[in-house]
Amino acid sequence: MKERSVSIGMLFYGHEYWSSGNAIDEIEVYCELLDHLEEKRDALETRGKGEEVTLINVQAVLSSYAVEIAMKSLWALDHPEGTIPHTHNLVDIFDQLEDETKKSLEGLRLDRQILGRMPTPFTSNRYSMEQDEREITVYKAPFLRDVTQLLRDNIEENREELLQSADRLTFYGSRGS
């Protein structure tokens, strides 16, 4: 097996720093937060309209960020030697996924057409208050959990290859004495 060296730049800007396993943990935290926000929003009376709108905006940002993390994690599993796309455009990421991964996402009703309605939900949701059209996208926690399970399954299917890939990495850097 060929040994690879990884520069500090690749650690910060390349694929090697991306851990799909850690992404699952992060998405699960967002799911818990989204469940909590959903419960809080459901408990509000009509007089709390301002707070309800704020909660929906927070849900939109958290959920769209979680979907972006999941999409980039799936991309990383499909392209183990590649560099994670530095984009928020989910259509671009979706287009680069392997056909099998696309089919799995389509099975969860997340396809190119759906993503095309708002291709950059994380950016759009974050800045929704600055736009004339205040359209937002909110992904519900159960859907995010389904996407996370797809990610788990994909990691499990590729575990052997992923472990072999990690064994080939050599990290360079100085450590304090």
C-alpha atoms as a PDB file:
ATOM      1  CA  MET A   1       0.000   0.000   0.000  1.00  0.00           C
ATOM      2  CA  LYS A   2       1.154   3.475  -0.859  1.00  0.00           C
ATOM      3  CA  GLU A   3       1.718   5.768   2.116  1.00  0.00           C
ATOM      4  CA  ARG A   4       0.146   9.226   1.950  1.00  0.00           C
ATOM      5  CA  SER A   5       1.331  12.365   3.604  1.00  0.00           C
ATOM      6  CA  VAL A   6      -1.131  14.996   4.751  1.00  0.00           C
ATOM      7  CA  SER A   7      -0.160  18.623   5.001  1.00  0.00           C
ATOM      8  CA  ILE A   8      -1.647  21.009   7.557  1.00  0.00           C
ATOM      9  CA  GLY A   9      -3.441  22.739   4.681  1.00  0.00           C
ATOM     10  CA  MET A  10      -5.174  19.498   3.723  1.00  0.00           C
ATOM     11  CA  LEU A  11      -6.246  19.006   7.313  1.00  0.00           C
ATOM     12  CA  PHE A  12      -8.031  22.354   7.267  1.00  0.00           C
ATOM     13  CA  TYR A  13      -9.178  22.493   3.662  1.00  0.00           C
ATOM     14  CA  GLY A  14      -9.117  18.937   2.378  1.00  0.00           C
ATOM     15  CA  HIS A  15     -11.143  15.812   2.886  1.00  0.00           C
ATOM     16  CA  GLU A  16      -9.071  14.300   5.688  1.00  0.00           C
ATOM     17  CA  TYR A  17     -10.451  16.522   8.445  1.00  0.00           C
ATOM     18  CA  TRP A  18     -14.035  15.590   7.612  1.00  0.00           C
ATOM     19  CA  SER A  19     -15.405  12.827   9.775  1.00  0.00           C
ATOM     20  CA  SER A  20     -18.774  11.477   8.693  1.00  0.00           C
ATOM     21  CA  GLY A  21     -19.013   9.642  12.024  1.00  0.00           C
ATOM     22  CA  ASN A  22     -18.668  12.909  13.940  1.00  0.00           C
ATOM     23  CA  ALA A  23     -21.208  14.453  11.583  1.00  0.00           C
ATOM     24  CA  ILE A  24     -23.775  11.896  12.747  1.00  0.00           C
ATOM     25  CA  ASP A  25     -23.264  12.970  16.367  1.00  0.00           C
ATOM     26  CA  GLU A  26     -23.626  16.625  15.391  1.00  0.00           C
ATOM     27  CA  ILE A  27     -26.806  16.016  13.394  1.00  0.00           C
ATOM     28  CA  GLU A  28     -28.298  14.099  16.326  1.00  0.00           C
ATOM     29  CA  VAL A  29     -27.674  17.102  18.586  1.00  0.00           C
ATOM     30  CA  TYR A  30     -29.485  19.315  16.076  1.00  0.00           C
ATOM     31  CA  CYS A  31     -32.371  16.826  15.982  1.00  0.00           C
ATOM     32  CA  GLU A  32     -32.726  17.063  19.753  1.00  0.00           C
ATOM     33  CA  LEU A  33     -32.696  20.865  19.540  1.00  0.00           C
ATOM     34  CA  LEU A  34     -35.278  20.784  16.746  1.00  0.00           C
ATOM     35  CA  ASP A  35     -37.542  18.491  18.790  1.00  0.00           C
ATOM     36  CA  HIS A  36     -37.277  20.907  21.718  1.00  0.00           C
ATOM     37  CA  LEU A  37     -38.021  23.933  19.520  1.00  0.00           C
ATOM     38  CA  GLU A  38     -40.985  22.139  17.932  1.00  0.00           C
ATOM     39  CA  GLU A  39     -42.436  21.379  21.381  1.00  0.00           C
ATOM     40  CA  LYS A  40     -41.893  24.963  22.493  1.00  0.00           C
ATOM     41  CA  ARG A  41     -43.464  26.350  19.321  1.00  0.00           C
ATOM     42  CA  ASP A  42     -46.479  24.051  19.679  1.00  0.00           C
ATOM     43  CA  ALA A  43     -46.953  25.291  23.245  1.00  0.00           C
ATOM     44  CA  LEU A  44     -47.118  28.958  22.219  1.00  0.00           C
ATOM     45  CA  GLU A  45     -50.440  30.725  22.110  1.00  0.00           C
ATOM     46  CA  THR A  46     -51.372  33.179  19.363  1.00  0.00           C
ATOM     47  CA  ARG A  47     -50.074  36.098  21.450  1.00  0.00           C
ATOM     48  CA  GLY A  48     -46.565  34.679  21.113  1.00  0.00           C
ATOM     49  CA  LYS A  49     -46.509  35.140  17.323  1.00  0.00           C
ATOM     50  CA  GLY A  50     -43.165  37.005  17.356  1.00  0.00           C
ATOM     51  CA  GLU A  51     -41.518  34.263  19.372  1.00  0.00           C
ATOM     52  CA  GLU A  52     -43.083  31.611  17.152  1.00  0.00           C
ATOM     53  CA  VAL A  53     -41.609  33.236  14.020  1.00  0.00           C
ATOM     54  CA  THR A  54     -38.211  33.412  15.720  1.00  0.00           C
ATOM     55  CA  LEU A  55     -38.396  29.724  16.656  1.00  0.00           C
ATOM     56  CA  ILE A  56     -39.312  28.759  13.088  1.00  0.00           C
ATOM     57  CA  ASN A  57     -36.328  30.728  11.775  1.00  0.00           C
ATOM     58  CA  VAL A  58     -34.010  29.006  14.252  1.00  0.00           C
ATOM     59  CA  GLN A  59     -35.436  25.619  13.242  1.00  0.00           C
ATOM     60  CA  ALA A  60     -34.872  26.481   9.580  1.00  0.00           C
ATOM     61  CA  VAL A  61     -31.218  27.394  10.092  1.00  0.00           C
ATOM     62  CA  LEU A  62     -30.422  24.374  12.305  1.00  0.00           C
ATOM     63  CA  SER A  63     -32.195  21.880  10.080  1.00  0.00           C
ATOM     64  CA  SER A  64     -30.730  23.190   6.839  1.00  0.00           C
ATOM     65  CA  TYR A  65     -27.239  23.108   8.342  1.00  0.00           C
ATOM     66  CA  ALA A  66     -27.835  19.511   9.452  1.00  0.00           C
ATOM     67  CA  VAL A  67     -28.920  18.523   5.925  1.00  0.00           C
ATOM     68  CA  GLU A  68     -25.827  20.189   4.477  1.00  0.00           C
ATOM     69  CA  ILE A  69     -23.580  18.290   6.912  1.00  0.00           C
ATOM     70  CA  ALA A  70     -25.301  15.039   5.952  1.00  0.00           C
ATOM     71  CA  MET A  71     -24.983  15.712   2.210  1.00  0.00           C
ATOM     72  CA  LYS A  72     -21.292  16.572   2.530  1.00  0.00           C
ATOM     73  CA  SER A  73     -20.741  13.472   4.660  1.00  0.00           C
ATOM     74  CA  LEU A  74     -22.374  11.278   2.036  1.00  0.00           C
ATOM     75  CA  TRP A  75     -20.226  12.994  -0.587  1.00  0.00           C
ATOM     76  CA  ALA A  76     -17.104  12.223   1.487  1.00  0.00           C
ATOM     77  CA  LEU A  77     -18.067   8.555   1.633  1.00  0.00           C
ATOM     78  CA  ASP A  78     -18.649   8.473  -2.121  1.00  0.00           C
ATOM     79  CA  HIS A  79     -15.313  10.222  -2.832  1.00  0.00           C
ATOM     80  CA  PRO A  80     -12.840   9.058  -0.151  1.00  0.00           C
ATOM     81  CA  GLU A  81      -9.855  10.632  -1.924  1.00  0.00           C
ATOM     82  CA  GLY A  82     -11.586  13.913  -2.809  1.00  0.00           C
ATOM     83  CA  THR A  83     -11.855  17.316  -1.228  1.00  0.00           C
ATOM     84  CA  ILE A  84     -15.211  18.197   0.323  1.00  0.00           C
ATOM     85  CA  PRO A  85     -17.030  20.735  -1.861  1.00  0.00           C
ATOM     86  CA  HIS A  86     -16.742  24.232  -0.419  1.00  0.00           C
ATOM     87  CA  THR A  87     -20.282  25.193  -1.317  1.00  0.00           C
ATOM     88  CA  HIS A  88     -23.637  25.520   0.380  1.00  0.00           C
ATOM     89  CA  ASN A  89     -25.411  24.541  -2.859  1.00  0.00           C
ATOM     90  CA  LEU A  90     -27.037  21.175  -2.158  1.00  0.00           C
ATOM     91  CA  VAL A  91     -27.939  20.626  -5.821  1.00  0.00           C
ATOM     92  CA  ASP A  92     -24.237  20.804  -6.734  1.00  0.00           C
ATOM     93  CA  ILE A  93     -23.393  18.345  -3.969  1.00  0.00           C
ATOM     94  CA  PHE A  94     -26.296  16.050  -4.928  1.00  0.00           C
ATOM     95  CA  ASP A  95     -25.183  16.039  -8.581  1.00  0.00           C
ATOM     96  CA  GLN A  96     -21.742  14.745  -7.545  1.00  0.00           C
ATOM     97  CA  LEU A  97     -23.054  11.863  -5.429  1.00  0.00           C
ATOM     98  CA  GLU A  98     -22.849   8.283  -6.654  1.00  0.00           C
ATOM     99  CA  ASP A  99     -26.058   6.994  -8.296  1.00  0.00           C
ATOM    100  CA  GLU A 100     -26.691   4.559  -5.443  1.00  0.00           C
ATOM    101  CA  THR A 101     -26.480   7.381  -2.871  1.00  0.00           C
ATOM    102  CA  LYS A 102     -28.821   9.546  -4.960  1.00  0.00           C
ATOM    103  CA  LYS A 103     -31.336   6.686  -5.124  1.00  0.00           C
ATOM    104  CA  SER A 104     -31.157   6.269  -1.341  1.00  0.00           C
ATOM    105  CA  LEU A 105     -31.847   9.975  -0.831  1.00  0.00           C
ATOM    106  CA  GLU A 106     -34.654   9.859  -3.370  1.00  0.00           C
ATOM    107  CA  GLY A 107     -36.126   7.008  -1.305  1.00  0.00           C
ATOM    108  CA  LEU A 108     -36.332   9.546   1.525  1.00  0.00           C
ATOM    109  CA  ARG A 109     -38.018  11.979  -0.905  1.00  0.00           C
ATOM    110  CA  LEU A 110     -34.969  14.222  -1.167  1.00  0.00           C
ATOM    111  CA  ASP A 111     -34.148  14.615  -4.835  1.00  0.00           C
ATOM    112  CA  ARG A 112     -32.708  17.160  -7.243  1.00  0.00           C
ATOM    113  CA  GLN A 113     -36.121  18.742  -7.887  1.00  0.00           C
ATOM    114  CA  ILE A 114     -36.830  19.229  -4.164  1.00  0.00           C
ATOM    115  CA  LEU A 115     -33.344  20.600  -3.560  1.00  0.00           C
ATOM    116  CA  GLY A 116     -33.707  22.870  -6.590  1.00  0.00           C
ATOM    117  CA  ARG A 117     -36.553  24.782  -4.945  1.00  0.00           C
ATOM    118  CA  MET A 118     -34.053  26.233  -2.496  1.00  0.00           C
ATOM    119  CA  PRO A 119     -30.580  24.958  -3.422  1.00  0.00           C
ATOM    120  CA  THR A 120     -28.785  26.856  -0.657  1.00  0.00           C
ATOM    121  CA  PRO A 121     -31.144  26.539   2.322  1.00  0.00           C
ATOM    122  CA  PHE A 122     -28.503  27.169   4.982  1.00  0.00           C
ATOM    123  CA  THR A 123     -27.513  30.502   3.439  1.00  0.00           C
ATOM    124  CA  SER A 124     -31.067  31.419   2.452  1.00  0.00           C
ATOM    125  CA  ASN A 125     -32.451  30.624   5.894  1.00  0.00           C
ATOM    126  CA  ARG A 126     -29.711  32.512   7.723  1.00  0.00           C
ATOM    127  CA  TYR A 127     -30.383  35.665   5.740  1.00  0.00           C
ATOM    128  CA  SER A 128     -34.141  35.247   5.263  1.00  0.00           C
ATOM    129  CA  MET A 129     -34.935  38.473   7.112  1.00  0.00           C
ATOM    130  CA  GLU A 130     -32.850  40.463   4.600  1.00  0.00           C
ATOM    131  CA  GLN A 131     -34.729  39.175   1.566  1.00  0.00           C
ATOM    132  CA  ASP A 132     -37.930  40.457   0.012  1.00  0.00           C
ATOM    133  CA  GLU A 133     -39.260  36.932  -0.339  1.00  0.00           C
ATOM    134  CA  ARG A 134     -39.051  35.469   3.133  1.00  0.00           C
ATOM    135  CA  GLU A 135     -39.323  31.865   2.110  1.00  0.00           C
ATOM    136  CA  ILE A 136     -37.583  29.384   4.393  1.00  0.00           C
ATOM    137  CA  THR A 137     -37.035  25.651   4.363  1.00  0.00           C
ATOM    138  CA  VAL A 138     -37.474  23.616   7.535  1.00  0.00           C
ATOM    139  CA  TYR A 139     -36.509  19.954   7.650  1.00  0.00           C
ATOM    140  CA  LYS A 140     -38.228  18.055  10.453  1.00  0.00           C
ATOM    141  CA  ALA A 141     -36.215  16.031  12.980  1.00  0.00           C
ATOM    142  CA  PRO A 142     -37.723  12.650  11.911  1.00  0.00           C
ATOM    143  CA  PHE A 143     -36.568  13.286   8.325  1.00  0.00           C
ATOM    144  CA  LEU A 144     -33.098  14.264   9.560  1.00  0.00           C
ATOM    145  CA  ARG A 145     -32.961  11.071  11.610  1.00  0.00           C
ATOM    146  CA  ASP A 146     -33.778   9.076   8.454  1.00  0.00           C
ATOM    147  CA  VAL A 147     -30.950  10.842   6.600  1.00  0.00           C
ATOM    148  CA  THR A 148     -28.643  10.142   9.548  1.00  0.00           C
ATOM    149  CA  GLN A 149     -29.578   6.455   9.435  1.00  0.00           C
ATOM    150  CA  LEU A 150     -28.749   6.422   5.725  1.00  0.00           C
ATOM    151  CA  LEU A 151     -25.371   7.935   6.592  1.00  0.00           C
ATOM    152  CA  ARG A 152     -24.832   5.297   9.328  1.00  0.00           C
ATOM    153  CA  ASP A 153     -25.701   2.508   6.916  1.00  0.00           C
ATOM    154  CA  ASN A 154     -23.339   3.927   4.307  1.00  0.00           C
ATOM    155  CA  ILE A 155     -20.493   4.113   6.829  1.00  0.00           C
ATOM    156  CA  GLU A 156     -21.152   0.521   7.929  1.00  0.00           C
ATOM    157  CA  GLU A 157     -21.163  -0.728   4.338  1.00  0.00           C
ATOM    158  CA  ASN A 158     -17.823   0.991   3.693  1.00  0.00           C
ATOM    159  CA  ARG A 159     -16.217   0.387   7.101  1.00  0.00           C
ATOM    160  CA  GLU A 160     -13.479  -1.926   5.794  1.00  0.00           C
ATOM    161  CA  GLU A 161     -12.440   0.457   3.024  1.00  0.00           C
ATOM    162  CA  LEU A 162     -12.562   3.463   5.358  1.00  0.00           C
ATOM    163  CA  LEU A 163     -10.328   1.759   7.911  1.00  0.00           C
ATOM    164  CA  GLN A 164      -7.811   0.812   5.227  1.00  0.00           C
ATOM    165  CA  SER A 165      -7.819   4.374   3.920  1.00  0.00           C
ATOM    166  CA  ALA A 166      -7.140   5.757   7.411  1.00  0.00           C
ATOM    167  CA  ASP A 167      -4.217   3.357   7.878  1.00  0.00           C
ATOM    168  CA  ARG A 168      -2.512   4.817   4.815  1.00  0.00           C
ATOM    169  CA  LEU A 169      -2.400   8.373   6.183  1.00  0.00           C
ATOM    170  CA  THR A 170       0.785   9.824   7.623  1.00  0.00           C
ATOM    171  CA  PHE A 171       0.459  13.079   9.541  1.00  0.00           C
ATOM    172  CA  TYR A 172       3.288  15.568   9.685  1.00  0.00           C
ATOM    173  CA  GLY A 173       3.656  18.339  12.224  1.00  0.00           C
ATOM    174  CA  SER A 174       5.673  19.270  15.225  1.00  0.00           C
ATOM    175  CA  ARG A 175       4.564  18.349  18.694  1.00  0.00           C
ATOM    176  CA  GLY A 176       5.627  20.211  21.772  1.00  0.00           C
ATOM    177  CA  SER A 177       8.298  18.489  23.845  1.00  0.00           C
END
